Amino acid sequence: MTTTYPSLQTHPANARCCPALWDALRDVTDPEIPISVVDMGLIVDIQQREGVVDLKLTFTAMGCPAMDFIMDDIRERLLREPGVQQVNIEIVWDPVWSKNRLSEEGIDIMRTWGISA
């Protein structure tokens, strides 16, 4: 089982789910494996209102050493999007990350690197 995430290829640009922001975050990759934070299933929710993006983010483990790097990269990438003036990131542990959060592309990338998915 995999998860499908919003994209401008599947949703209109003005959709409430913010597909342009999801697409932008596909540029942000895990520092250890070349997989986007979207395909990895780390993005839980994105909301945008009046130039402010509120993003809920999870990690594969509480002790993930790349947490700060990933959050900095997310913030930097979203601030390059038109109309985004501020990015608030909330780390959430519910839902707990599992391999079911991986996209189909994420599974393919993991397998290419020899990681069971």
N, C-alpha and C. Protein backbone atom coordinates (compact mmCIF):
# COMPACT_ATOMS: atom_id res chain seq x y z
N MET A 1 0.84 -1.19 0.00
CA MET A 1 0.00 0.00 0.00
C MET A 1 0.89 1.25 0.00
N THR A 2 0.53 2.22 -0.82
CA THR A 2 1.28 3.47 -0.89
C THR A 2 0.34 4.65 -0.71
N THR A 3 0.91 5.82 -0.62
CA THR A 3 0.13 7.04 -0.47
C THR A 3 0.37 7.92 -1.68
N THR A 4 -0.67 8.61 -2.13
CA THR A 4 -0.56 9.57 -3.22
C THR A 4 -0.71 10.96 -2.63
N TYR A 5 0.20 11.86 -3.02
CA TYR A 5 0.20 13.21 -2.49
C TYR A 5 -0.21 14.20 -3.57
N PRO A 6 -0.80 15.34 -3.19
CA PRO A 6 -1.27 16.32 -4.17
C PRO A 6 -0.14 16.83 -5.08
N SER A 7 -0.52 17.20 -6.28
CA SER A 7 0.41 17.75 -7.26
C SER A 7 -0.39 18.60 -8.23
N LEU A 8 0.28 19.52 -8.89
CA LEU A 8 -0.39 20.30 -9.94
C LEU A 8 -0.80 19.41 -11.11
N GLN A 9 -0.24 18.22 -11.20
CA GLN A 9 -0.63 17.26 -12.24
C GLN A 9 -1.97 16.60 -11.91
N THR A 10 -2.37 16.64 -10.64
CA THR A 10 -3.60 15.95 -10.23
C THR A 10 -4.65 16.88 -9.65
N HIS A 11 -4.26 18.13 -9.34
CA HIS A 11 -5.18 19.07 -8.70
C HIS A 11 -5.04 20.45 -9.35
N PRO A 12 -6.11 21.22 -9.37
CA PRO A 12 -5.99 22.60 -9.88
C PRO A 12 -5.12 23.44 -8.95
N ALA A 13 -4.47 24.45 -9.51
CA ALA A 13 -3.54 25.28 -8.75
C ALA A 13 -4.17 25.92 -7.51
N ASN A 14 -5.46 26.25 -7.59
CA ASN A 14 -6.13 26.91 -6.47
C ASN A 14 -6.79 25.93 -5.50
N ALA A 15 -6.48 24.65 -5.62
CA ALA A 15 -7.07 23.65 -4.72
C ALA A 15 -6.63 23.91 -3.29
N ARG A 16 -7.49 23.62 -2.38
CA ARG A 16 -7.24 23.86 -0.96
C ARG A 16 -6.03 23.09 -0.42
N CYS A 17 -5.68 21.99 -1.09
CA CYS A 17 -4.57 21.15 -0.62
C CYS A 17 -3.20 21.70 -0.98
N CYS A 18 -3.14 22.87 -1.66
CA CYS A 18 -1.87 23.55 -1.98
C CYS A 18 -0.94 22.70 -2.86
N PRO A 19 -1.41 22.23 -4.01
CA PRO A 19 -0.57 21.34 -4.82
C PRO A 19 0.75 21.96 -5.26
N ALA A 20 0.80 23.26 -5.50
CA ALA A 20 2.06 23.90 -5.91
C ALA A 20 3.11 23.79 -4.81
N LEU A 21 2.68 23.87 -3.56
CA LEU A 21 3.62 23.75 -2.45
C LEU A 21 4.12 22.31 -2.31
N TRP A 22 3.23 21.35 -2.52
CA TRP A 22 3.64 19.93 -2.50
C TRP A 22 4.68 19.70 -3.59
N ASP A 23 4.42 20.27 -4.79
CA ASP A 23 5.38 20.10 -5.88
C ASP A 23 6.72 20.75 -5.54
N ALA A 24 6.69 21.92 -4.93
CA ALA A 24 7.93 22.60 -4.54
C ALA A 24 8.73 21.73 -3.57
N LEU A 25 8.04 21.08 -2.66
CA LEU A 25 8.72 20.25 -1.66
C LEU A 25 9.30 18.97 -2.25
N ARG A 26 8.92 18.65 -3.46
CA ARG A 26 9.54 17.50 -4.12
C ARG A 26 11.00 17.80 -4.47
N ASP A 27 11.40 19.08 -4.39
CA ASP A 27 12.79 19.47 -4.60
C ASP A 27 13.64 19.26 -3.35
N VAL A 28 13.01 19.07 -2.21
CA VAL A 28 13.74 18.91 -0.94
C VAL A 28 13.95 17.42 -0.69
N THR A 29 15.22 17.04 -0.60
CA THR A 29 15.52 15.62 -0.44
C THR A 29 16.14 15.32 0.92
N ASP A 30 16.00 14.09 1.31
CA ASP A 30 16.65 13.58 2.52
C ASP A 30 18.16 13.68 2.31
N PRO A 31 18.92 14.12 3.30
CA PRO A 31 20.37 14.27 3.12
C PRO A 31 21.12 12.95 2.91
N GLU A 32 20.52 11.83 3.30
CA GLU A 32 21.21 10.55 3.20
C GLU A 32 20.80 9.73 1.98
N ILE A 33 19.56 9.86 1.55
CA ILE A 33 19.03 9.10 0.42
C ILE A 33 18.38 10.10 -0.54
N PRO A 34 18.62 10.01 -1.83
CA PRO A 34 18.03 10.99 -2.76
C PRO A 34 16.53 10.74 -2.98
N ILE A 35 15.76 10.98 -1.95
CA ILE A 35 14.30 10.83 -2.02
C ILE A 35 13.69 12.09 -1.43
N SER A 36 12.66 12.61 -2.09
CA SER A 36 12.06 13.85 -1.61
C SER A 36 11.30 13.63 -0.31
N VAL A 37 11.16 14.71 0.44
CA VAL A 37 10.42 14.63 1.70
C VAL A 37 8.96 14.27 1.44
N VAL A 38 8.47 14.60 0.23
CA VAL A 38 7.10 14.23 -0.13
C VAL A 38 7.02 12.73 -0.37
N ASP A 39 7.89 12.21 -1.24
CA ASP A 39 7.85 10.77 -1.55
C ASP A 39 8.19 9.92 -0.33
N MET A 40 8.96 10.47 0.59
CA MET A 40 9.29 9.77 1.83
C MET A 40 8.09 9.74 2.79
N GLY A 41 7.12 10.61 2.55
CA GLY A 41 5.94 10.64 3.42
C GLY A 41 6.13 11.45 4.68
N LEU A 42 7.08 12.38 4.66
CA LEU A 42 7.35 13.18 5.85
C LEU A 42 6.40 14.37 6.01
N ILE A 43 5.82 14.83 4.91
CA ILE A 43 4.89 15.97 4.96
C ILE A 43 3.51 15.43 5.32
N VAL A 44 2.97 15.91 6.42
CA VAL A 44 1.66 15.44 6.89
C VAL A 44 0.54 16.35 6.40
N ASP A 45 0.79 17.67 6.41
CA ASP A 45 -0.25 18.62 6.00
C ASP A 45 0.40 19.95 5.63
N ILE A 46 -0.22 20.63 4.69
CA ILE A 46 0.21 21.99 4.31
C ILE A 46 -1.04 22.85 4.18
N GLN A 47 -1.00 24.00 4.79
CA GLN A 47 -2.06 25.00 4.67
C GLN A 47 -1.39 26.33 4.35
N GLN A 48 -2.03 27.14 3.51
CA GLN A 48 -1.49 28.46 3.20
C GLN A 48 -2.61 29.49 3.31
N ARG A 49 -2.30 30.60 3.99
CA ARG A 49 -3.28 31.68 4.12
C ARG A 49 -2.52 32.99 4.26
N GLU A 50 -2.84 33.91 3.39
CA GLU A 50 -2.29 35.26 3.44
C GLU A 50 -0.77 35.29 3.56
N GLY A 51 -0.10 34.49 2.74
CA GLY A 51 1.36 34.49 2.71
C GLY A 51 2.04 33.65 3.78
N VAL A 52 1.24 33.03 4.63
CA VAL A 52 1.80 32.20 5.71
C VAL A 52 1.50 30.73 5.42
N VAL A 53 2.55 29.92 5.42
CA VAL A 53 2.40 28.48 5.23
C VAL A 53 2.57 27.80 6.58
N ASP A 54 1.59 26.99 6.93
CA ASP A 54 1.66 26.16 8.13
C ASP A 54 1.83 24.72 7.65
N LEU A 55 2.94 24.11 8.04
CA LEU A 55 3.27 22.77 7.57
C LEU A 55 3.44 21.83 8.76
N LYS A 56 2.84 20.66 8.66
CA LYS A 56 3.03 19.62 9.67
C LYS A 56 3.97 18.58 9.07
N LEU A 57 5.00 18.26 9.84
CA LEU A 57 6.09 17.41 9.39
C LEU A 57 6.32 16.30 10.39
N THR A 58 6.56 15.11 9.89
CA THR A 58 6.95 14.01 10.77
C THR A 58 8.30 13.49 10.30
N PHE A 59 8.88 12.63 11.08
CA PHE A 59 10.16 12.02 10.73
C PHE A 59 10.04 10.52 10.94
N THR A 60 11.00 9.80 10.37
CA THR A 60 10.97 8.34 10.49
C THR A 60 11.32 7.88 11.90
N ALA A 61 12.02 8.74 12.65
CA ALA A 61 12.39 8.40 14.03
C ALA A 61 12.59 9.69 14.82
N MET A 62 12.31 9.65 16.11
CA MET A 62 12.46 10.84 16.96
C MET A 62 13.90 11.34 17.01
N GLY A 63 14.84 10.46 16.88
CA GLY A 63 16.25 10.85 16.97
C GLY A 63 16.89 11.11 15.62
N CYS A 64 16.11 11.39 14.60
CA CYS A 64 16.65 11.62 13.26
C CYS A 64 17.69 12.74 13.30
N PRO A 65 18.93 12.45 12.92
CA PRO A 65 19.98 13.46 12.99
C PRO A 65 19.83 14.57 11.94
N ALA A 66 18.99 14.36 10.95
CA ALA A 66 18.84 15.33 9.86
C ALA A 66 17.66 16.29 10.05
N MET A 67 17.01 16.24 11.20
CA MET A 67 15.80 17.05 11.41
C MET A 67 16.01 18.53 11.09
N ASP A 68 17.03 19.13 11.66
CA ASP A 68 17.26 20.57 11.45
C ASP A 68 17.58 20.88 9.99
N PHE A 69 18.40 20.04 9.36
CA PHE A 69 18.73 20.24 7.95
C PHE A 69 17.47 20.20 7.08
N ILE A 70 16.64 19.21 7.32
CA ILE A 70 15.42 19.05 6.52
C ILE A 70 14.48 20.24 6.73
N MET A 71 14.29 20.66 7.97
CA MET A 71 13.41 21.80 8.24
C MET A 71 13.95 23.08 7.59
N ASP A 72 15.26 23.29 7.66
CA ASP A 72 15.85 24.46 7.01
C ASP A 72 15.64 24.42 5.50
N ASP A 73 15.84 23.24 4.89
CA ASP A 73 15.66 23.10 3.45
C ASP A 73 14.20 23.32 3.04
N ILE A 74 13.27 22.81 3.85
CA ILE A 74 11.84 23.01 3.57
C ILE A 74 11.51 24.49 3.62
N ARG A 75 11.92 25.15 4.67
CA ARG A 75 11.63 26.58 4.83
C ARG A 75 12.22 27.38 3.67
N GLU A 76 13.48 27.12 3.35
CA GLU A 76 14.16 27.84 2.27
C GLU A 76 13.44 27.63 0.93
N ARG A 77 13.04 26.41 0.66
CA ARG A 77 12.38 26.12 -0.63
C ARG A 77 11.01 26.77 -0.71
N LEU A 78 10.22 26.70 0.34
CA LEU A 78 8.88 27.28 0.29
C LEU A 78 8.92 28.81 0.21
N LEU A 79 9.93 29.42 0.82
CA LEU A 79 10.04 30.88 0.76
C LEU A 79 10.36 31.38 -0.65
N ARG A 80 10.76 30.50 -1.54
CA ARG A 80 10.99 30.87 -2.94
C ARG A 80 9.71 30.84 -3.76
N GLU A 81 8.63 30.32 -3.19
CA GLU A 81 7.35 30.25 -3.91
C GLU A 81 6.66 31.61 -3.90
N PRO A 82 6.02 31.98 -5.02
CA PRO A 82 5.31 33.27 -5.08
C PRO A 82 4.28 33.39 -3.96
N GLY A 83 4.31 34.52 -3.29
CA GLY A 83 3.33 34.82 -2.25
C GLY A 83 3.63 34.25 -0.88
N VAL A 84 4.64 33.42 -0.76
CA VAL A 84 4.98 32.85 0.55
C VAL A 84 5.94 33.79 1.26
N GLN A 85 5.51 34.27 2.43
CA GLN A 85 6.32 35.21 3.20
C GLN A 85 6.83 34.63 4.51
N GLN A 86 6.14 33.60 4.98
CA GLN A 86 6.51 33.00 6.27
C GLN A 86 6.17 31.52 6.22
N VAL A 87 7.02 30.70 6.84
CA VAL A 87 6.78 29.26 6.90
C VAL A 87 6.88 28.82 8.36
N ASN A 88 5.81 28.26 8.87
CA ASN A 88 5.78 27.70 10.22
C ASN A 88 5.78 26.18 10.10
N ILE A 89 6.71 25.54 10.79
CA ILE A 89 6.80 24.08 10.73
C ILE A 89 6.53 23.52 12.12
N GLU A 90 5.58 22.61 12.17
CA GLU A 90 5.26 21.90 13.41
C GLU A 90 5.63 20.43 13.23
N ILE A 91 6.46 19.92 14.12
CA ILE A 91 6.79 18.50 14.09
C ILE A 91 5.68 17.75 14.81
N VAL A 92 5.16 16.73 14.13
CA VAL A 92 4.09 15.92 14.71
C VAL A 92 4.51 14.45 14.70
N TRP A 93 4.02 13.72 15.67
CA TRP A 93 4.31 12.28 15.75
C TRP A 93 3.06 11.45 15.57
N ASP A 94 1.97 12.11 15.26
CA ASP A 94 0.71 11.43 14.98
C ASP A 94 0.17 12.03 13.69
N PRO A 95 0.15 11.29 12.61
CA PRO A 95 0.35 9.83 12.56
C PRO A 95 1.82 9.45 12.64
N VAL A 96 2.06 8.29 13.21
CA VAL A 96 3.41 7.75 13.28
C VAL A 96 3.84 7.38 11.86
N TRP A 97 5.09 7.70 11.52
CA TRP A 97 5.57 7.36 10.19
C TRP A 97 5.67 5.85 10.04
N SER A 98 5.24 5.37 8.89
CA SER A 98 5.42 3.96 8.53
C SER A 98 5.68 3.91 7.03
N LYS A 99 6.11 2.77 6.53
CA LYS A 99 6.40 2.67 5.10
C LYS A 99 5.15 2.86 4.25
N ASN A 100 3.99 2.78 4.85
CA ASN A 100 2.74 3.05 4.11
C ASN A 100 2.64 4.51 3.68
N ARG A 101 3.43 5.39 4.29
CA ARG A 101 3.42 6.81 3.91
C ARG A 101 4.25 7.06 2.65
N LEU A 102 5.07 6.09 2.24
CA LEU A 102 5.88 6.24 1.03
C LEU A 102 4.99 6.31 -0.21
N SER A 103 5.39 7.15 -1.16
CA SER A 103 4.70 7.15 -2.46
C SER A 103 5.25 5.98 -3.28
N GLU A 104 4.61 5.69 -4.40
CA GLU A 104 5.09 4.62 -5.28
C GLU A 104 6.52 4.94 -5.75
N GLU A 105 6.76 6.19 -6.11
CA GLU A 105 8.10 6.60 -6.53
C GLU A 105 9.09 6.45 -5.38
N GLY A 106 8.65 6.78 -4.18
CA GLY A 106 9.50 6.63 -3.00
C GLY A 106 9.91 5.18 -2.78
N ILE A 107 8.98 4.28 -2.96
CA ILE A 107 9.29 2.84 -2.83
C ILE A 107 10.32 2.43 -3.87
N ASP A 108 10.14 2.89 -5.10
CA ASP A 108 11.09 2.55 -6.16
C ASP A 108 12.50 3.07 -5.83
N ILE A 109 12.58 4.29 -5.34
CA ILE A 109 13.88 4.86 -4.99
C ILE A 109 14.53 4.07 -3.87
N MET A 110 13.76 3.74 -2.85
CA MET A 110 14.30 2.98 -1.71
C MET A 110 14.84 1.63 -2.19
N ARG A 111 14.09 0.97 -3.03
CA ARG A 111 14.53 -0.36 -3.53
C ARG A 111 15.79 -0.23 -4.37
N THR A 112 15.88 0.85 -5.15
CA THR A 112 17.08 1.09 -5.95
C THR A 112 18.31 1.20 -5.06
N TRP A 113 18.15 1.76 -3.89
CA TRP A 113 19.24 1.92 -2.93
C TRP A 113 19.41 0.69 -2.04
N GLY A 114 18.65 -0.36 -2.32
CA GLY A 114 18.78 -1.59 -1.55
C GLY A 114 18.12 -1.56 -0.20
N ILE A 115 17.15 -0.64 -0.05
CA ILE A 115 16.44 -0.50 1.22
C ILE A 115 15.07 -1.15 1.07
N SER A 116 14.73 -2.05 1.96
CA SER A 116 13.44 -2.72 1.92
C SER A 116 12.31 -1.72 2.15
N ALA A 117 11.34 -1.75 1.26
CA ALA A 117 10.20 -0.83 1.40
C ALA A 117 8.90 -1.56 1.21
